[in-house]
Amino acid sequence: MANMQNQQSNLKLISKNLQASYRQFMDDFIAAPTIVAPLLPTMPAFQRDLFLKQAQTQHYRIMLQMQPSLTETHPYNIHGVLKTLASGQLVLVNRHQHVTHLIEPTMIRYIKRAPLN
């Protein structure tokens, strides 16, 4: 009987530890970023489109400051090389971070050439 109670106590302890670890993981996972990108001016559409075209034809590494989307509360910066898929969708590929961003040109606040480092 005592052995059964010890097993139940151990199971409760493991369950509580697992719940606490899960809560901590989720708190860390969904926490808002602590560093907010400095706000850059919104470029006029004609300038943005010209810079996008130049960046793509010259294969420049660029930085885009994007308007907040569904998952963001502040503008955010992304880096990479601009490409166009066969469907016509723009993507920004960052091979160093193994990330590809789908780009909606109207959501771009600012574009600039990024350093090569």
N, C-alpha and C. Protein backbone atom coordinates (compact mmCIF):
# COMPACT_ATOMS: atom_id res chain seq x y z
N MET A 1 0.82 -1.19 0.00
CA MET A 1 0.00 0.00 0.00
C MET A 1 0.87 1.27 0.00
N ALA A 2 1.92 1.26 0.82
CA ALA A 2 2.82 2.42 0.89
C ALA A 2 3.54 2.61 -0.43
N ASN A 3 3.89 1.50 -1.10
CA ASN A 3 4.56 1.57 -2.39
C ASN A 3 3.66 2.24 -3.43
N MET A 4 2.37 1.93 -3.39
CA MET A 4 1.40 2.53 -4.32
C MET A 4 1.29 4.03 -4.08
N GLN A 5 1.28 4.44 -2.79
CA GLN A 5 1.19 5.86 -2.46
C GLN A 5 2.45 6.60 -2.91
N ASN A 6 3.62 5.97 -2.78
CA ASN A 6 4.87 6.58 -3.24
C ASN A 6 4.85 6.78 -4.75
N GLN A 7 4.32 5.78 -5.48
CA GLN A 7 4.24 5.90 -6.94
C GLN A 7 3.29 7.02 -7.34
N GLN A 8 2.16 7.14 -6.62
CA GLN A 8 1.21 8.21 -6.92
C GLN A 8 1.82 9.57 -6.60
N SER A 9 2.54 9.68 -5.50
CA SER A 9 3.20 10.94 -5.14
C SER A 9 4.25 11.31 -6.18
N ASN A 10 5.03 10.31 -6.60
CA ASN A 10 6.03 10.56 -7.64
C ASN A 10 5.38 11.00 -8.94
N LEU A 11 4.29 10.37 -9.31
CA LEU A 11 3.58 10.72 -10.54
C LEU A 11 3.04 12.15 -10.47
N LYS A 12 2.49 12.53 -9.31
CA LYS A 12 1.99 13.90 -9.13
C LYS A 12 3.12 14.91 -9.23
N LEU A 13 4.28 14.59 -8.63
CA LEU A 13 5.43 15.47 -8.67
C LEU A 13 5.93 15.64 -10.11
N ILE A 14 6.04 14.54 -10.83
CA ILE A 14 6.46 14.60 -12.23
C ILE A 14 5.47 15.41 -13.05
N SER A 15 4.19 15.20 -12.82
CA SER A 15 3.15 15.94 -13.55
C SER A 15 3.26 17.45 -13.29
N LYS A 16 3.44 17.82 -12.01
CA LYS A 16 3.58 19.25 -11.68
C LYS A 16 4.82 19.85 -12.34
N ASN A 17 5.94 19.11 -12.31
CA ASN A 17 7.18 19.60 -12.94
C ASN A 17 7.00 19.76 -14.44
N LEU A 18 6.33 18.80 -15.05
CA LEU A 18 6.08 18.87 -16.49
C LEU A 18 5.20 20.06 -16.83
N GLN A 19 4.15 20.28 -16.05
CA GLN A 19 3.27 21.43 -16.29
C GLN A 19 4.03 22.75 -16.13
N ALA A 20 4.87 22.84 -15.10
CA ALA A 20 5.64 24.06 -14.88
C ALA A 20 6.62 24.31 -16.02
N SER A 21 7.28 23.23 -16.47
CA SER A 21 8.22 23.36 -17.59
C SER A 21 7.50 23.79 -18.85
N TYR A 22 6.33 23.20 -19.10
CA TYR A 22 5.55 23.55 -20.29
C TYR A 22 5.12 25.01 -20.24
N ARG A 23 4.64 25.45 -19.07
CA ARG A 23 4.23 26.86 -18.93
C ARG A 23 5.40 27.80 -19.18
N GLN A 24 6.58 27.47 -18.63
CA GLN A 24 7.77 28.30 -18.83
C GLN A 24 8.15 28.34 -20.31
N PHE A 25 8.10 27.18 -20.96
CA PHE A 25 8.43 27.11 -22.39
C PHE A 25 7.48 27.98 -23.19
N MET A 26 6.19 27.87 -22.93
CA MET A 26 5.20 28.66 -23.68
C MET A 26 5.36 30.15 -23.38
N ASP A 27 5.65 30.50 -22.13
CA ASP A 27 5.88 31.92 -21.80
C ASP A 27 7.06 32.46 -22.58
N ASP A 28 8.14 31.69 -22.66
CA ASP A 28 9.32 32.11 -23.41
C ASP A 28 9.02 32.16 -24.90
N PHE A 29 8.26 31.19 -25.39
CA PHE A 29 7.98 31.08 -26.82
C PHE A 29 7.11 32.22 -27.34
N ILE A 30 6.10 32.61 -26.56
CA ILE A 30 5.17 33.64 -27.04
C ILE A 30 5.49 35.03 -26.51
N ALA A 31 6.57 35.17 -25.76
CA ALA A 31 6.94 36.48 -25.22
C ALA A 31 7.25 37.44 -26.36
N ALA A 32 6.82 38.67 -26.20
CA ALA A 32 7.10 39.69 -27.20
C ALA A 32 8.60 39.96 -27.24
N PRO A 33 9.13 40.28 -28.43
CA PRO A 33 10.56 40.58 -28.50
C PRO A 33 10.89 41.80 -27.66
N THR A 34 12.05 41.78 -27.03
CA THR A 34 12.42 42.89 -26.17
C THR A 34 13.07 44.02 -26.96
N ILE A 35 13.58 43.72 -28.14
CA ILE A 35 14.23 44.76 -28.95
C ILE A 35 13.29 45.12 -30.10
N VAL A 36 12.92 46.36 -30.17
CA VAL A 36 12.06 46.85 -31.24
C VAL A 36 12.95 47.57 -32.25
N ALA A 37 12.78 47.23 -33.53
CA ALA A 37 13.59 47.86 -34.59
C ALA A 37 13.31 49.36 -34.61
N PRO A 38 14.38 50.17 -34.78
CA PRO A 38 14.16 51.62 -34.91
C PRO A 38 13.25 51.89 -36.10
N LEU A 39 12.30 52.75 -35.92
CA LEU A 39 11.32 53.06 -36.96
C LEU A 39 11.96 53.89 -38.07
N LEU A 40 11.89 53.38 -39.29
CA LEU A 40 12.42 54.08 -40.46
C LEU A 40 11.25 54.71 -41.20
N PRO A 41 11.50 55.76 -42.00
CA PRO A 41 10.40 56.42 -42.71
C PRO A 41 9.79 55.50 -43.77
N THR A 42 8.51 55.67 -44.01
CA THR A 42 7.84 54.90 -45.05
C THR A 42 8.22 55.51 -46.40
N MET A 43 8.76 54.67 -47.28
CA MET A 43 9.19 55.15 -48.60
C MET A 43 7.97 55.34 -49.51
N PRO A 44 8.04 56.30 -50.42
CA PRO A 44 6.99 56.40 -51.43
C PRO A 44 6.98 55.14 -52.30
N ALA A 45 5.82 54.76 -52.80
CA ALA A 45 5.66 53.52 -53.57
C ALA A 45 6.60 53.47 -54.78
N PHE A 46 6.74 54.59 -55.51
CA PHE A 46 7.58 54.57 -56.70
C PHE A 46 9.04 54.28 -56.35
N GLN A 47 9.51 54.84 -55.23
CA GLN A 47 10.89 54.62 -54.80
C GLN A 47 11.07 53.18 -54.33
N ARG A 48 10.13 52.69 -53.56
CA ARG A 48 10.18 51.31 -53.09
C ARG A 48 10.23 50.34 -54.27
N ASP A 49 9.36 50.54 -55.26
CA ASP A 49 9.31 49.65 -56.41
C ASP A 49 10.61 49.71 -57.22
N LEU A 50 11.18 50.90 -57.38
CA LEU A 50 12.45 51.05 -58.09
C LEU A 50 13.57 50.32 -57.34
N PHE A 51 13.64 50.51 -56.04
CA PHE A 51 14.67 49.84 -55.24
C PHE A 51 14.49 48.32 -55.26
N LEU A 52 13.26 47.84 -55.22
CA LEU A 52 13.01 46.40 -55.29
C LEU A 52 13.50 45.83 -56.61
N LYS A 53 13.21 46.55 -57.69
CA LYS A 53 13.64 46.09 -59.02
C LYS A 53 15.16 46.06 -59.11
N GLN A 54 15.83 47.12 -58.63
CA GLN A 54 17.30 47.16 -58.63
C GLN A 54 17.89 46.05 -57.78
N ALA A 55 17.33 45.83 -56.61
CA ALA A 55 17.84 44.80 -55.70
C ALA A 55 17.75 43.42 -56.34
N GLN A 56 16.67 43.19 -57.08
CA GLN A 56 16.49 41.89 -57.70
C GLN A 56 17.42 41.70 -58.90
N THR A 57 17.53 42.70 -59.76
CA THR A 57 18.37 42.54 -60.95
C THR A 57 19.85 42.52 -60.59
N GLN A 58 20.24 43.22 -59.53
CA GLN A 58 21.65 43.26 -59.12
C GLN A 58 21.99 42.21 -58.06
N HIS A 59 21.00 41.45 -57.60
CA HIS A 59 21.19 40.40 -56.58
C HIS A 59 21.80 40.96 -55.29
N TYR A 60 21.33 42.16 -54.90
CA TYR A 60 21.82 42.78 -53.68
C TYR A 60 21.26 42.06 -52.47
N ARG A 61 22.06 42.03 -51.40
CA ARG A 61 21.56 41.62 -50.09
C ARG A 61 20.89 42.87 -49.53
N ILE A 62 19.64 42.75 -49.11
CA ILE A 62 18.90 43.93 -48.67
C ILE A 62 18.30 43.73 -47.28
N MET A 63 17.91 44.86 -46.70
CA MET A 63 17.17 44.88 -45.45
C MET A 63 15.83 45.52 -45.77
N LEU A 64 14.76 44.84 -45.37
CA LEU A 64 13.41 45.39 -45.52
C LEU A 64 12.84 45.65 -44.13
N GLN A 65 12.26 46.82 -43.95
CA GLN A 65 11.49 47.04 -42.73
C GLN A 65 10.03 46.86 -43.12
N MET A 66 9.40 45.88 -42.49
CA MET A 66 8.02 45.52 -42.84
C MET A 66 7.04 46.13 -41.85
N GLN A 67 5.86 46.48 -42.37
CA GLN A 67 4.76 46.92 -41.50
C GLN A 67 4.38 45.76 -40.60
N PRO A 68 3.83 46.02 -39.43
CA PRO A 68 3.38 44.92 -38.58
C PRO A 68 2.36 44.05 -39.32
N SER A 69 2.45 42.74 -39.09
CA SER A 69 1.50 41.81 -39.69
C SER A 69 0.69 41.16 -38.58
N LEU A 70 0.04 40.08 -38.87
CA LEU A 70 -0.83 39.43 -37.89
C LEU A 70 -0.09 39.00 -36.62
N THR A 71 1.18 38.61 -36.76
CA THR A 71 1.91 38.10 -35.61
C THR A 71 2.84 39.13 -34.97
N GLU A 72 2.91 40.31 -35.52
CA GLU A 72 3.83 41.34 -35.02
C GLU A 72 3.04 42.55 -34.52
N THR A 73 3.60 43.24 -33.54
CA THR A 73 2.96 44.46 -33.05
C THR A 73 3.71 45.72 -33.45
N HIS A 74 4.95 45.56 -33.93
CA HIS A 74 5.79 46.68 -34.35
C HIS A 74 6.39 46.35 -35.71
N PRO A 75 6.80 47.38 -36.47
CA PRO A 75 7.55 47.08 -37.68
C PRO A 75 8.77 46.23 -37.34
N TYR A 76 9.18 45.39 -38.26
CA TYR A 76 10.32 44.50 -38.02
C TYR A 76 11.19 44.45 -39.26
N ASN A 77 12.47 44.15 -39.05
CA ASN A 77 13.45 44.12 -40.14
C ASN A 77 13.75 42.68 -40.53
N ILE A 78 13.88 42.46 -41.84
CA ILE A 78 14.29 41.16 -42.35
C ILE A 78 15.38 41.40 -43.39
N HIS A 79 16.28 40.43 -43.52
CA HIS A 79 17.44 40.56 -44.42
C HIS A 79 17.48 39.38 -45.37
N GLY A 80 18.02 39.61 -46.56
CA GLY A 80 18.20 38.51 -47.50
C GLY A 80 18.35 39.02 -48.92
N VAL A 81 18.17 38.09 -49.86
CA VAL A 81 18.25 38.38 -51.29
C VAL A 81 16.86 38.18 -51.88
N LEU A 82 16.43 39.13 -52.67
CA LEU A 82 15.08 39.11 -53.25
C LEU A 82 15.02 38.19 -54.47
N LYS A 83 13.99 37.38 -54.53
CA LYS A 83 13.76 36.48 -55.67
C LYS A 83 12.28 36.54 -56.02
N THR A 84 11.95 36.09 -57.24
CA THR A 84 10.56 35.97 -57.66
C THR A 84 10.28 34.52 -58.00
N LEU A 85 9.23 33.97 -57.41
CA LEU A 85 8.82 32.60 -57.71
C LEU A 85 8.13 32.56 -59.07
N ALA A 86 7.96 31.37 -59.62
CA ALA A 86 7.29 31.21 -60.92
C ALA A 86 5.88 31.79 -60.87
N SER A 87 5.26 31.79 -59.70
CA SER A 87 3.90 32.33 -59.53
C SER A 87 3.87 33.86 -59.54
N GLY A 88 5.07 34.49 -59.47
CA GLY A 88 5.14 35.94 -59.40
C GLY A 88 5.28 36.46 -57.98
N GLN A 89 5.17 35.57 -56.98
CA GLN A 89 5.30 35.96 -55.57
C GLN A 89 6.74 36.33 -55.26
N LEU A 90 6.93 37.49 -54.61
CA LEU A 90 8.27 37.90 -54.17
C LEU A 90 8.62 37.17 -52.88
N VAL A 91 9.88 36.74 -52.79
CA VAL A 91 10.38 36.12 -51.57
C VAL A 91 11.73 36.73 -51.24
N LEU A 92 12.02 36.80 -49.96
CA LEU A 92 13.31 37.26 -49.47
C LEU A 92 13.97 36.05 -48.83
N VAL A 93 15.11 35.63 -49.39
CA VAL A 93 15.79 34.42 -48.94
C VAL A 93 17.01 34.80 -48.12
N ASN A 94 17.07 34.28 -46.90
CA ASN A 94 18.23 34.48 -46.04
C ASN A 94 18.86 33.10 -45.83
N ARG A 95 19.91 32.82 -46.58
CA ARG A 95 20.55 31.49 -46.52
C ARG A 95 21.28 31.26 -45.19
N HIS A 96 21.77 32.33 -44.56
CA HIS A 96 22.49 32.18 -43.29
C HIS A 96 21.56 31.71 -42.18
N GLN A 97 20.34 32.22 -42.18
CA GLN A 97 19.38 31.84 -41.14
C GLN A 97 18.44 30.73 -41.61
N HIS A 98 18.58 30.29 -42.86
CA HIS A 98 17.72 29.25 -43.44
C HIS A 98 16.25 29.66 -43.35
N VAL A 99 15.97 30.92 -43.75
CA VAL A 99 14.62 31.46 -43.67
C VAL A 99 14.24 32.05 -45.02
N THR A 100 13.00 31.84 -45.43
CA THR A 100 12.45 32.47 -46.63
C THR A 100 11.18 33.20 -46.22
N HIS A 101 11.10 34.48 -46.57
CA HIS A 101 9.94 35.30 -46.23
C HIS A 101 9.13 35.56 -47.50
N LEU A 102 7.83 35.35 -47.46
CA LEU A 102 6.96 35.78 -48.55
C LEU A 102 6.76 37.28 -48.38
N ILE A 103 6.93 38.02 -49.48
CA ILE A 103 6.90 39.49 -49.41
C ILE A 103 5.69 40.03 -50.16
N GLU A 104 4.97 40.89 -49.48
CA GLU A 104 3.90 41.67 -50.10
C GLU A 104 4.45 43.10 -50.20
N PRO A 105 4.75 43.58 -51.42
CA PRO A 105 5.41 44.89 -51.55
C PRO A 105 4.71 46.03 -50.82
N THR A 106 3.40 46.01 -50.71
CA THR A 106 2.70 47.10 -50.03
C THR A 106 2.95 47.10 -48.53
N MET A 107 3.49 46.01 -47.98
CA MET A 107 3.78 45.93 -46.55
C MET A 107 5.20 46.40 -46.21
N ILE A 108 5.97 46.78 -47.23
CA ILE A 108 7.34 47.25 -47.00
C ILE A 108 7.32 48.73 -46.62
N ARG A 109 7.91 49.05 -45.47
CA ARG A 109 8.05 50.45 -45.05
C ARG A 109 9.29 51.07 -45.67
N TYR A 110 10.37 50.29 -45.67
CA TYR A 110 11.67 50.84 -46.04
C TYR A 110 12.53 49.73 -46.59
N ILE A 111 13.37 50.07 -47.57
CA ILE A 111 14.30 49.10 -48.15
C ILE A 111 15.67 49.75 -48.26
N LYS A 112 16.71 48.97 -47.95
CA LYS A 112 18.06 49.49 -48.15
C LYS A 112 19.00 48.31 -48.42
N ARG A 113 20.10 48.61 -49.05
CA ARG A 113 21.13 47.59 -49.29
C ARG A 113 21.80 47.27 -47.96
N ALA A 114 21.95 45.98 -47.70
CA ALA A 114 22.55 45.54 -46.43
C ALA A 114 24.02 45.23 -46.62
N PRO A 115 24.81 45.38 -45.56
CA PRO A 115 26.23 45.01 -45.65
C PRO A 115 26.36 43.53 -45.95
N LEU A 116 27.48 43.13 -46.53
CA LEU A 116 27.70 41.75 -46.94
C LEU A 116 28.05 40.81 -45.81
N ASN A 117 28.41 41.30 -44.64
CA ASN A 117 28.87 40.43 -43.55
C ASN A 117 27.90 39.41 -43.21
